[in-house]
PDB file of N, CA and C in Angstrom:
ATOM      1  N   UNK A   1     -32.162   9.820  -6.901  1.00  0.00           N
ATOM      2  CA  UNK A   1     -31.834  11.203  -6.585  1.00  0.00           C
ATOM      3  C   UNK A   1     -30.455  11.242  -5.935  1.00  0.00           C
ATOM      4  N   UNK A   2     -29.603  12.124  -6.398  1.00  0.00           N
ATOM      5  CA  UNK A   2     -28.251  12.240  -5.869  1.00  0.00           C
ATOM      6  C   UNK A   2     -28.228  13.215  -4.706  1.00  0.00           C
ATOM      7  N   UNK A   3     -27.289  12.966  -3.776  1.00  0.00           N
ATOM      8  CA  UNK A   3     -27.098  13.890  -2.664  1.00  0.00           C
ATOM      9  C   UNK A   3     -26.685  15.252  -3.202  1.00  0.00           C
ATOM     10  N   UNK A   4     -27.181  16.292  -2.600  1.00  0.00           N
ATOM     11  CA  UNK A   4     -26.842  17.648  -3.026  1.00  0.00           C
ATOM     12  C   UNK A   4     -25.332  17.877  -2.896  1.00  0.00           C
ATOM     13  N   UNK A   5     -24.677  18.201  -3.995  1.00  0.00           N
ATOM     14  CA  UNK A   5     -23.259  18.532  -3.982  1.00  0.00           C
ATOM     15  C   UNK A   5     -22.314  17.342  -3.886  1.00  0.00           C
ATOM     16  N   UNK A   6     -22.845  16.123  -3.788  1.00  0.00           N
ATOM     17  CA  UNK A   6     -21.977  14.950  -3.658  1.00  0.00           C
ATOM     18  C   UNK A   6     -21.552  14.448  -5.037  1.00  0.00           C
ATOM     19  N   UNK A   7     -20.358  13.916  -5.108  1.00  0.00           N
ATOM     20  CA  UNK A   7     -19.833  13.330  -6.331  1.00  0.00           C
ATOM     21  C   UNK A   7     -19.327  11.929  -6.016  1.00  0.00           C
ATOM     22  N   UNK A   8     -19.240  11.102  -7.032  1.00  0.00           N
ATOM     23  CA  UNK A   8     -18.762   9.735  -6.847  1.00  0.00           C
ATOM     24  C   UNK A   8     -17.259   9.742  -6.614  1.00  0.00           C
ATOM     25  N   UNK A   9     -16.823   8.901  -5.706  1.00  0.00           N
ATOM     26  CA  UNK A   9     -15.407   8.697  -5.443  1.00  0.00           C
ATOM     27  C   UNK A   9     -15.122   7.197  -5.458  1.00  0.00           C
ATOM     28  N   UNK A  10     -13.968   6.845  -5.998  1.00  0.00           N
ATOM     29  CA  UNK A  10     -13.437   5.489  -5.942  1.00  0.00           C
ATOM     30  C   UNK A  10     -12.263   5.539  -4.979  1.00  0.00           C
ATOM     31  N   UNK A  11     -12.261   4.651  -4.018  1.00  0.00           N
ATOM     32  CA  UNK A  11     -11.169   4.579  -3.051  1.00  0.00           C
ATOM     33  C   UNK A  11     -10.455   3.253  -3.255  1.00  0.00           C
ATOM     34  N   UNK A  12      -9.136   3.311  -3.338  1.00  0.00           N
ATOM     35  CA  UNK A  12      -8.317   2.109  -3.459  1.00  0.00           C
ATOM     36  C   UNK A  12      -7.638   1.830  -2.128  1.00  0.00           C
ATOM     37  N   UNK A  13      -7.691   0.583  -1.714  1.00  0.00           N
ATOM     38  CA  UNK A  13      -6.983   0.144  -0.519  1.00  0.00           C
ATOM     39  C   UNK A  13      -6.579  -1.303  -0.742  1.00  0.00           C
ATOM     40  N   UNK A  14      -5.579  -1.764  -0.034  1.00  0.00           N
ATOM     41  CA  UNK A  14      -5.153  -3.157  -0.159  1.00  0.00           C
ATOM     42  C   UNK A  14      -5.174  -3.826   1.203  1.00  0.00           C
ATOM     43  N   UNK A  15      -5.380  -5.138   1.186  1.00  0.00           N
ATOM     44  CA  UNK A  15      -5.380  -5.959   2.401  1.00  0.00           C
ATOM     45  C   UNK A  15      -4.444  -7.140   2.192  1.00  0.00           C
ATOM     46  N   UNK A  16      -3.879  -7.614   3.275  1.00  0.00           N
ATOM     47  CA  UNK A  16      -2.940  -8.720   3.207  1.00  0.00           C
ATOM     48  C   UNK A  16      -3.580 -10.091   3.126  1.00  0.00           C
ATOM     49  N   UNK A  17      -4.872 -10.200   3.497  1.00  0.00           N
ATOM     50  CA  UNK A  17      -5.535 -11.498   3.406  1.00  0.00           C
ATOM     51  C   UNK A  17      -7.024 -11.333   3.132  1.00  0.00           C
ATOM     52  N   UNK A  18      -7.632 -12.413   2.691  1.00  0.00           N
ATOM     53  CA  UNK A  18      -9.035 -12.396   2.267  1.00  0.00           C
ATOM     54  C   UNK A  18      -9.978 -12.109   3.437  1.00  0.00           C
ATOM     55  N   UNK A  19      -9.684 -12.655   4.613  1.00  0.00           N
ATOM     56  CA  UNK A  19     -10.572 -12.446   5.758  1.00  0.00           C
ATOM     57  C   UNK A  19     -10.680 -10.963   6.096  1.00  0.00           C
ATOM     58  N   UNK A  20      -9.551 -10.265   6.106  1.00  0.00           N
ATOM     59  CA  UNK A  20      -9.569  -8.831   6.396  1.00  0.00           C
ATOM     60  C   UNK A  20     -10.296  -8.067   5.297  1.00  0.00           C
ATOM     61  N   UNK A  21     -10.047  -8.407   4.041  1.00  0.00           N
ATOM     62  CA  UNK A  21     -10.717  -7.753   2.918  1.00  0.00           C
ATOM     63  C   UNK A  21     -12.231  -7.961   2.997  1.00  0.00           C
ATOM     64  N   UNK A  22     -12.653  -9.174   3.304  1.00  0.00           N
ATOM     65  CA  UNK A  22     -14.087  -9.466   3.449  1.00  0.00           C
ATOM     66  C   UNK A  22     -14.693  -8.655   4.584  1.00  0.00           C
ATOM     67  N   UNK A  23     -14.018  -8.627   5.726  1.00  0.00           N
ATOM     68  CA  UNK A  23     -14.529  -7.915   6.905  1.00  0.00           C
ATOM     69  C   UNK A  23     -14.700  -6.424   6.608  1.00  0.00           C
ATOM     70  N   UNK A  24     -13.672  -5.806   6.070  1.00  0.00           N
ATOM     71  CA  UNK A  24     -13.731  -4.372   5.767  1.00  0.00           C
ATOM     72  C   UNK A  24     -14.830  -4.087   4.744  1.00  0.00           C
ATOM     73  N   UNK A  25     -14.899  -4.891   3.688  1.00  0.00           N
ATOM     74  CA  UNK A  25     -15.902  -4.696   2.640  1.00  0.00           C
ATOM     75  C   UNK A  25     -17.315  -4.796   3.191  1.00  0.00           C
ATOM     76  N   UNK A  26     -17.557  -5.823   3.996  1.00  0.00           N
ATOM     77  CA  UNK A  26     -18.894  -6.013   4.553  1.00  0.00           C
ATOM     78  C   UNK A  26     -19.280  -4.880   5.499  1.00  0.00           C
ATOM     79  N   UNK A  27     -18.371  -4.442   6.333  1.00  0.00           N
ATOM     80  CA  UNK A  27     -18.678  -3.325   7.233  1.00  0.00           C
ATOM     81  C   UNK A  27     -19.023  -2.077   6.436  1.00  0.00           C
ATOM     82  N   UNK A  28     -18.251  -1.767   5.412  1.00  0.00           N
ATOM     83  CA  UNK A  28     -18.496  -0.562   4.617  1.00  0.00           C
ATOM     84  C   UNK A  28     -19.849  -0.603   3.921  1.00  0.00           C
ATOM     85  N   UNK A  29     -20.201  -1.747   3.349  1.00  0.00           N
ATOM     86  CA  UNK A  29     -21.476  -1.854   2.630  1.00  0.00           C
ATOM     87  C   UNK A  29     -22.643  -1.939   3.610  1.00  0.00           C
ATOM     88  N   UNK A  30     -22.507  -2.749   4.669  1.00  0.00           N
ATOM     89  CA  UNK A  30     -23.596  -2.885   5.636  1.00  0.00           C
ATOM     90  C   UNK A  30     -23.898  -1.575   6.351  1.00  0.00           C
ATOM     91  N   UNK A  31     -22.886  -0.747   6.579  1.00  0.00           N
ATOM     92  CA  UNK A  31     -23.094   0.543   7.247  1.00  0.00           C
ATOM     93  C   UNK A  31     -23.467   1.648   6.257  1.00  0.00           C
ATOM     94  N   UNK A  32     -23.620   1.293   4.993  1.00  0.00           N
ATOM     95  CA  UNK A  32     -23.996   2.209   3.914  1.00  0.00           C
ATOM     96  C   UNK A  32     -22.995   3.343   3.702  1.00  0.00           C
ATOM     97  N   UNK A  33     -21.723   3.072   4.020  1.00  0.00           N
ATOM     98  CA  UNK A  33     -20.653   4.016   3.705  1.00  0.00           C
ATOM     99  C   UNK A  33     -20.147   3.807   2.282  1.00  0.00           C
ATOM    100  N   UNK A  34     -20.339   2.608   1.763  1.00  0.00           N
ATOM    101  CA  UNK A  34     -19.978   2.280   0.377  1.00  0.00           C
ATOM    102  C   UNK A  34     -21.157   1.553  -0.252  1.00  0.00           C
ATOM    103  N   UNK A  35     -21.411   1.829  -1.521  1.00  0.00           N
ATOM    104  CA  UNK A  35     -22.474   1.132  -2.234  1.00  0.00           C
ATOM    105  C   UNK A  35     -21.995  -0.246  -2.680  1.00  0.00           C
ATOM    106  N   UNK A  36     -20.702  -0.355  -2.957  1.00  0.00           N
ATOM    107  CA  UNK A  36     -20.121  -1.586  -3.479  1.00  0.00           C
ATOM    108  C   UNK A  36     -18.622  -1.572  -3.210  1.00  0.00           C
ATOM    109  N   UNK A  37     -18.073  -2.752  -2.946  1.00  0.00           N
ATOM    110  CA  UNK A  37     -16.627  -2.906  -2.847  1.00  0.00           C
ATOM    111  C   UNK A  37     -16.246  -4.116  -3.691  1.00  0.00           C
ATOM    112  N   UNK A  38     -15.370  -3.908  -4.668  1.00  0.00           N
ATOM    113  CA  UNK A  38     -14.829  -5.020  -5.451  1.00  0.00           C
ATOM    114  C   UNK A  38     -13.560  -5.503  -4.776  1.00  0.00           C
ATOM    115  N   UNK A  39     -13.415  -6.817  -4.645  1.00  0.00           N
ATOM    116  CA  UNK A  39     -12.212  -7.426  -4.103  1.00  0.00           C
ATOM    117  C   UNK A  39     -11.456  -8.072  -5.253  1.00  0.00           C
ATOM    118  N   UNK A  40     -10.247  -7.597  -5.498  1.00  0.00           N
ATOM    119  CA  UNK A  40      -9.436  -8.092  -6.608  1.00  0.00           C
ATOM    120  C   UNK A  40      -8.251  -8.851  -6.004  1.00  0.00           C
ATOM    121  N   UNK A  41      -8.327 -10.178  -5.978  1.00  0.00           N
ATOM    122  CA  UNK A  41      -7.245 -10.960  -5.366  1.00  0.00           C
ATOM    123  C   UNK A  41      -6.024 -11.046  -6.270  1.00  0.00           C
ATOM    124  N   UNK A  42      -4.903 -11.411  -5.663  1.00  0.00           N
ATOM    125  CA  UNK A  42      -3.697 -11.700  -6.440  1.00  0.00           C
ATOM    126  C   UNK A  42      -2.929 -10.494  -6.929  1.00  0.00           C
ATOM    127  N   UNK A  43      -3.116  -9.339  -6.295  1.00  0.00           N
ATOM    128  CA  UNK A  43      -2.381  -8.140  -6.687  1.00  0.00           C
ATOM    129  C   UNK A  43      -0.966  -8.228  -6.119  1.00  0.00           C
ATOM    130  N   UNK A  44       0.025  -8.148  -6.974  1.00  0.00           N
ATOM    131  CA  UNK A  44       1.419  -8.169  -6.542  1.00  0.00           C
ATOM    132  C   UNK A  44       1.848  -6.736  -6.253  1.00  0.00           C
ATOM    133  N   UNK A  45       2.213  -6.444  -5.026  1.00  0.00           N
ATOM    134  CA  UNK A  45       2.645  -5.101  -4.633  1.00  0.00           C
ATOM    135  C   UNK A  45       4.133  -5.117  -4.314  1.00  0.00           C
ATOM    136  N   UNK A  46       4.846  -4.138  -4.845  1.00  0.00           N
ATOM    137  CA  UNK A  46       6.255  -3.922  -4.534  1.00  0.00           C
ATOM    138  C   UNK A  46       6.346  -2.515  -3.975  1.00  0.00           C
ATOM    139  N   UNK A  47       6.922  -2.376  -2.788  1.00  0.00           N
ATOM    140  CA  UNK A  47       6.900  -1.090  -2.094  1.00  0.00           C
ATOM    141  C   UNK A  47       8.081  -0.996  -1.137  1.00  0.00           C
ATOM    142  N   UNK A  48       8.357   0.202  -0.700  1.00  0.00           N
ATOM    143  CA  UNK A  48       9.405   0.413   0.284  1.00  0.00           C
ATOM    144  C   UNK A  48       8.752   0.576   1.652  1.00  0.00           C
ATOM    145  N   UNK A  49       9.224  -0.176   2.629  1.00  0.00           N
ATOM    146  CA  UNK A  49       8.713  -0.093   3.999  1.00  0.00           C
ATOM    147  C   UNK A  49       9.881  -0.160   4.964  1.00  0.00           C
ATOM    148  N   UNK A  50       9.994   0.859   5.779  1.00  0.00           N
ATOM    149  CA  UNK A  50      11.050   0.951   6.797  1.00  0.00           C
ATOM    150  C   UNK A  50      12.437   0.736   6.187  1.00  0.00           C
ATOM    151  N   UNK A  51      12.652   1.365   5.033  1.00  0.00           N
ATOM    152  CA  UNK A  51      13.960   1.359   4.401  1.00  0.00           C
ATOM    153  C   UNK A  51      14.279   0.156   3.533  1.00  0.00           C
ATOM    154  N   UNK A  52      13.368  -0.829   3.479  1.00  0.00           N
ATOM    155  CA  UNK A  52      13.599  -2.029   2.671  1.00  0.00           C
ATOM    156  C   UNK A  52      12.552  -2.137   1.578  1.00  0.00           C
ATOM    157  N   UNK A  53      12.970  -2.666   0.433  1.00  0.00           N
ATOM    158  CA  UNK A  53      12.009  -2.967  -0.626  1.00  0.00           C
ATOM    159  C   UNK A  53      11.347  -4.293  -0.288  1.00  0.00           C
ATOM    160  N   UNK A  54      10.026  -4.268  -0.225  1.00  0.00           N
ATOM    161  CA  UNK A  54       9.223  -5.440   0.131  1.00  0.00           C
ATOM    162  C   UNK A  54       8.362  -5.839  -1.059  1.00  0.00           C
ATOM    163  N   UNK A  55       7.854  -7.044  -1.025  1.00  0.00           N
ATOM    164  CA  UNK A  55       6.941  -7.549  -2.033  1.00  0.00           C
ATOM    165  C   UNK A  55       5.885  -8.391  -1.333  1.00  0.00           C
ATOM    166  N   UNK A  56       4.633  -8.244  -1.749  1.00  0.00           N
ATOM    167  CA  UNK A  56       3.557  -9.001  -1.122  1.00  0.00           C
ATOM    168  C   UNK A  56       2.423  -9.228  -2.120  1.00  0.00           C
ATOM    169  N   UNK A  57       1.735 -10.337  -1.937  1.00  0.00           N
ATOM    170  CA  UNK A  57       0.496 -10.593  -2.668  1.00  0.00           C
ATOM    171  C   UNK A  57      -0.619 -10.040  -1.788  1.00  0.00           C
ATOM    172  N   UNK A  58      -1.426  -9.142  -2.361  1.00  0.00           N
ATOM    173  CA  UNK A  58      -2.485  -8.499  -1.597  1.00  0.00           C
ATOM    174  C   UNK A  58      -3.819  -8.597  -2.333  1.00  0.00           C
ATOM    175  N   UNK A  59      -4.854  -8.158  -1.653  1.00  0.00           N
ATOM    176  CA  UNK A  59      -6.182  -8.057  -2.240  1.00  0.00           C
ATOM    177  C   UNK A  59      -6.496  -6.576  -2.355  1.00  0.00           C
ATOM    178  N   UNK A  60      -6.795  -6.135  -3.565  1.00  0.00           N
ATOM    179  CA  UNK A  60      -7.135  -4.743  -3.809  1.00  0.00           C
ATOM    180  C   UNK A  60      -8.620  -4.536  -3.557  1.00  0.00           C
ATOM    181  N   UNK A  61      -8.946  -3.532  -2.751  1.00  0.00           N
ATOM    182  CA  UNK A  61     -10.333  -3.131  -2.547  1.00  0.00           C
ATOM    183  C   UNK A  61     -10.604  -1.915  -3.427  1.00  0.00           C
ATOM    184  N   UNK A  62     -11.656  -1.997  -4.232  1.00  0.00           N
ATOM    185  CA  UNK A  62     -12.113  -0.877  -5.044  1.00  0.00           C
ATOM    186  C   UNK A  62     -13.457  -0.468  -4.430  1.00  0.00           C
ATOM    187  N   UNK A  63     -13.412   0.617  -3.677  1.00  0.00           N
ATOM    188  CA  UNK A  63     -14.553   1.046  -2.865  1.00  0.00           C
ATOM    189  C   UNK A  63     -15.289   2.162  -3.596  1.00  0.00           C
ATOM    190  N   UNK A  64     -16.605   2.002  -3.798  1.00  0.00           N
ATOM    191  CA  UNK A  64     -17.419   3.009  -4.486  1.00  0.00           C
ATOM    192  C   UNK A  64     -18.275   3.739  -3.470  1.00  0.00           C
ATOM    193  N   UNK A  65     -18.083   5.047  -3.389  1.00  0.00           N
ATOM    194  CA  UNK A  65     -18.780   5.850  -2.403  1.00  0.00           C
ATOM    195  C   UNK A  65     -18.990   7.257  -2.942  1.00  0.00           C
ATOM    196  N   UNK A  66     -19.402   8.163  -2.076  1.00  0.00           N
ATOM    197  CA  UNK A  66     -19.590   9.564  -2.465  1.00  0.00           C
ATOM    198  C   UNK A  66     -18.551  10.433  -1.785  1.00  0.00           C
ATOM    199  N   UNK A  67     -18.366  11.606  -2.349  1.00  0.00           N
ATOM    200  CA  UNK A  67     -17.421  12.551  -1.742  1.00  0.00           C
ATOM    201  C   UNK A  67     -17.829  12.884  -0.307  1.00  0.00           C
ATOM    202  N   UNK A  68     -19.126  12.853  -0.039  1.00  0.00           N
ATOM    203  CA  UNK A  68     -19.620  13.168   1.302  1.00  0.00           C
ATOM    204  C   UNK A  68     -19.264  12.099   2.335  1.00  0.00           C
ATOM    205  N   UNK A  69     -18.932  10.891   1.884  1.00  0.00           N
ATOM    206  CA  UNK A  69     -18.659   9.775   2.806  1.00  0.00           C
ATOM    207  C   UNK A  69     -17.167   9.433   2.934  1.00  0.00           C
ATOM    208  N   UNK A  70     -16.303  10.113   2.204  1.00  0.00           N
ATOM    209  CA  UNK A  70     -14.887   9.741   2.164  1.00  0.00           C
ATOM    210  C   UNK A  70     -14.255   9.726   3.554  1.00  0.00           C
ATOM    211  N   UNK A  71     -14.466  10.745   4.347  1.00  0.00           N
ATOM    212  CA  UNK A  71     -13.842  10.811   5.682  1.00  0.00           C
ATOM    213  C   UNK A  71     -14.331   9.684   6.576  1.00  0.00           C
ATOM    214  N   UNK A  72     -15.620   9.337   6.484  1.00  0.00           N
ATOM    215  CA  UNK A  72     -16.156   8.235   7.279  1.00  0.00           C
ATOM    216  C   UNK A  72     -15.567   6.898   6.832  1.00  0.00           C
ATOM    217  N   UNK A  73     -15.407   6.732   5.518  1.00  0.00           N
ATOM    218  CA  UNK A  73     -14.797   5.514   4.995  1.00  0.00           C
ATOM    219  C   UNK A  73     -13.344   5.429   5.463  1.00  0.00           C
ATOM    220  N   UNK A  74     -12.634   6.533   5.401  1.00  0.00           N
ATOM    221  CA  UNK A  74     -11.238   6.548   5.842  1.00  0.00           C
ATOM    222  C   UNK A  74     -11.119   6.154   7.311  1.00  0.00           C
ATOM    223  N   UNK A  75     -11.996   6.681   8.139  1.00  0.00           N
ATOM    224  CA  UNK A  75     -11.979   6.345   9.571  1.00  0.00           C
ATOM    225  C   UNK A  75     -12.261   4.861   9.779  1.00  0.00           C
ATOM    226  N   UNK A  76     -13.254   4.326   9.081  1.00  0.00           N
ATOM    227  CA  UNK A  76     -13.603   2.914   9.222  1.00  0.00           C
ATOM    228  C   UNK A  76     -12.461   2.012   8.760  1.00  0.00           C
ATOM    229  N   UNK A  77     -11.861   2.336   7.626  1.00  0.00           N
ATOM    230  CA  UNK A  77     -10.749   1.523   7.124  1.00  0.00           C
ATOM    231  C   UNK A  77      -9.594   1.556   8.121  1.00  0.00           C
ATOM    232  N   UNK A  78      -9.259   2.716   8.639  1.00  0.00           N
ATOM    233  CA  UNK A  78      -8.157   2.833   9.610  1.00  0.00           C
ATOM    234  C   UNK A  78      -8.438   2.003  10.860  1.00  0.00           C
ATOM    235  N   UNK A  79      -9.686   1.992  11.326  1.00  0.00           N
ATOM    236  CA  UNK A  79     -10.035   1.242  12.538  1.00  0.00           C
ATOM    237  C   UNK A  79     -10.032  -0.263  12.309  1.00  0.00           C
ATOM    238  N   UNK A  80     -10.416  -0.706  11.113  1.00  0.00           N
ATOM    239  CA  UNK A  80     -10.563  -2.128  10.823  1.00  0.00           C
ATOM    240  C   UNK A  80      -9.307  -2.784  10.269  1.00  0.00           C
ATOM    241  N   UNK A  81      -8.376  -1.990   9.785  1.00  0.00           N
ATOM    242  CA  UNK A  81      -7.220  -2.500   9.046  1.00  0.00           C
ATOM    243  C   UNK A  81      -6.091  -2.901   9.991  1.00  0.00           C
ATOM    244  N   UNK A  82      -5.362  -3.936   9.608  1.00  0.00           N
ATOM    245  CA  UNK A  82      -4.227  -4.394  10.416  1.00  0.00           C
ATOM    246  C   UNK A  82      -2.923  -3.671  10.065  1.00  0.00           C
ATOM    247  N   UNK A  83      -2.857  -3.033   8.889  1.00  0.00           N
ATOM    248  CA  UNK A  83      -1.632  -2.348   8.496  1.00  0.00           C
ATOM    249  C   UNK A  83      -1.437  -1.081   9.332  1.00  0.00           C
ATOM    250  N   UNK A  84      -0.195  -0.763   9.646  1.00  0.00           N
ATOM    251  CA  UNK A  84       0.120   0.477  10.360  1.00  0.00           C
ATOM    252  C   UNK A  84      -0.237   1.687   9.494  1.00  0.00           C
ATOM    253  N   UNK A  85      -0.019   1.561   8.181  1.00  0.00           N
ATOM    254  CA  UNK A  85      -0.335   2.640   7.238  1.00  0.00           C
ATOM    255  C   UNK A  85      -1.089   2.025   6.055  1.00  0.00           C
ATOM    256  N   UNK A  86      -2.403   1.846   6.187  1.00  0.00           N
ATOM    257  CA  UNK A  86      -3.137   1.245   5.073  1.00  0.00           C
ATOM    258  C   UNK A  86      -3.204   2.183   3.871  1.00  0.00           C
ATOM    259  N   UNK A  87      -3.145   1.588   2.697  1.00  0.00           N
ATOM    260  CA  UNK A  87      -3.342   2.380   1.476  1.00  0.00           C
ATOM    261  C   UNK A  87      -4.743   2.977   1.511  1.00  0.00           C
ATOM    262  N   UNK A  88      -4.852   4.250   1.167  1.00  0.00           N
ATOM    263  CA  UNK A  88      -6.143   4.919   1.085  1.00  0.00           C
ATOM    264  C   UNK A  88      -6.011   6.039   0.061  1.00  0.00           C
ATOM    265  N   UNK A  89      -6.343   5.726  -1.183  1.00  0.00           N
ATOM    266  CA  UNK A  89      -6.241   6.685  -2.274  1.00  0.00           C
ATOM    267  C   UNK A  89      -7.635   6.977  -2.807  1.00  0.00           C
ATOM    268  N   UNK A  90      -7.972   8.247  -2.920  1.00  0.00           N
ATOM    269  CA  UNK A  90      -9.298   8.670  -3.365  1.00  0.00           C
ATOM    270  C   UNK A  90      -9.192   9.198  -4.795  1.00  0.00           C
ATOM    271  N   UNK A  91      -9.995   8.629  -5.686  1.00  0.00           N
ATOM    272  CA  UNK A  91     -10.009   9.024  -7.082  1.00  0.00           C
ATOM    273  C   UNK A  91     -11.341   9.693  -7.417  1.00  0.00           C
ATOM    274  N   UNK A  92     -11.270  10.790  -8.147  1.00  0.00           N
ATOM    275  CA  UNK A  92     -12.479  11.456  -8.607  1.00  0.00           C
ATOM    276  C   UNK A  92     -13.030  10.717  -9.821  1.00  0.00           C
ATOM    277  N   UNK A  93     -14.336  10.633  -9.907  1.00  0.00           N
ATOM    278  CA  UNK A  93     -15.008  10.013 -11.043  1.00  0.00           C
ATOM    279  C   UNK A  93     -15.606  11.128 -11.884  1.00  0.00           C
ATOM    280  N   UNK A  94     -15.328  11.104 -13.166  1.00  0.00           N
ATOM    281  CA  UNK A  94     -15.784  12.160 -14.064  1.00  0.00           C
ATOM    282  C   UNK A  94     -17.234  11.990 -14.505  1.00  0.00           C
ATOM    283  N   UNK A  95     -17.746  10.787 -14.455  1.00  0.00           N
ATOM    284  CA  UNK A  95     -19.119  10.552 -14.882  1.00  0.00           C
ATOM    285  C   UNK A  95     -19.461   9.089 -14.794  1.00  0.00           C
ATOM    286  N   UNK A  96     -20.666   8.764 -15.209  1.00  0.00           N
ATOM    287  CA  UNK A  96     -21.141   7.389 -15.206  1.00  0.00           C
ATOM    288  C   UNK A  96     -22.565   7.367 -15.716  1.00  0.00           C
ATOM    289  N   UNK A  97     -23.096   6.170 -15.925  1.00  0.00           N
ATOM    290  CA  UNK A  97     -24.474   6.087 -16.411  1.00  0.00           C
ATOM    291  C   UNK A  97     -25.419   6.548 -15.309  1.00  0.00           C
ATOM    292  N   UNK A  98     -26.447   7.252 -15.691  1.00  0.00           N
ATOM    293  CA  UNK A  98     -27.403   7.788 -14.722  1.00  0.00           C
ATOM    294  C   UNK A  98     -28.048   6.675 -13.882  1.00  0.00           C
ATOM    295  N   UNK A  99     -28.466   5.543 -14.489  1.00  0.00           N
ATOM    296  CA  UNK A  99     -29.050   4.482 -13.663  1.00  0.00           C
ATOM    297  C   UNK A  99     -28.063   3.941 -12.613  1.00  0.00           C
ATOM    298  N   UNK A 100     -26.775   3.781 -13.002  1.00  0.00           N
ATOM    299  CA  UNK A 100     -25.788   3.289 -12.035  1.00  0.00           C
ATOM    300  C   UNK A 100     -25.559   4.310 -10.930  1.00  0.00           C
ATOM    301  N   UNK A 101     -25.432   5.567 -11.293  1.00  0.00           N
ATOM    302  CA  UNK A 101     -25.217   6.604 -10.284  1.00  0.00           C
ATOM    303  C   UNK A 101     -26.412   6.703  -9.342  1.00  0.00           C
ATOM    304  N   UNK A 102     -27.628   6.580  -9.878  1.00  0.00           N
ATOM    305  CA  UNK A 102     -28.817   6.569  -9.010  1.00  0.00           C
ATOM    306  C   UNK A 102     -28.752   5.400  -8.038  1.00  0.00           C
ATOM    307  N   UNK A 103     -28.366   4.222  -8.530  1.00  0.00           N
ATOM    308  CA  UNK A 103     -28.243   3.051  -7.658  1.00  0.00           C
ATOM    309  C   UNK A 103     -27.186   3.300  -6.588  1.00  0.00           C
ATOM    310  N   UNK A 104     -26.019   3.811  -6.993  1.00  0.00           N
ATOM    311  CA  UNK A 104     -24.926   4.050  -6.059  1.00  0.00           C
ATOM    312  C   UNK A 104     -25.365   4.981  -4.944  1.00  0.00           C
ATOM    313  N   UNK A 105     -25.885   6.149  -5.289  1.00  0.00           N
ATOM    314  CA  UNK A 105     -26.291   7.099  -4.261  1.00  0.00           C
ATOM    315  C   UNK A 105     -27.462   6.584  -3.432  1.00  0.00           C
ATOM    316  N   UNK A 106     -28.310   5.761  -4.036  1.00  0.00           N
ATOM    317  CA  UNK A 106     -29.437   5.185  -3.308  1.00  0.00           C
ATOM    318  C   UNK A 106     -29.032   4.172  -2.264  1.00  0.00           C
ATOM    319  N   UNK A 107     -27.788   3.690  -2.328  1.00  0.00           N
ATOM    320  CA  UNK A 107     -27.302   2.700  -1.379  1.00  0.00           C
ATOM    321  C   UNK A 107     -26.312   3.254  -0.371  1.00  0.00           C
ATOM    322  N   UNK A 108     -26.273   4.567  -0.248  1.00  0.00           N
ATOM    323  CA  UNK A 108     -25.427   5.241   0.748  1.00  0.00           C
ATOM    324  C   UNK A 108     -26.313   5.943   1.750  1.00  0.00           C
ATOM    325  N   UNK A 109     -25.853   5.996   2.997  1.00  0.00           N
ATOM    326  CA  UNK A 109     -26.653   6.713   4.008  1.00  0.00           C
ATOM    327  C   UNK A 109     -26.454   8.206   3.888  1.00  0.00           C
TER     328      UNK A 109
END
């Protein structure tokens, strides 16, 4: 059963090391703010920071949650993250298989 009015959201964030990515992922799933977090290592990021072009190898977090939990996830990521401005991009999901969506919503508080 899906939460009334809730929709699936994918949140993208990056971490500078595996320990931080593991910590954030585990907190989100254990606290039932995310049903699943995929950790994608080896992401090459090129970005501008404080006026300079920087490059870093990061770990991409693909966080699966509901629209109802986005603000809580954002707060948790901000508190747990070492970056001054952590990436936090929310993507709308247009659909998915009913069994997967049931599982996803069943694993959120």
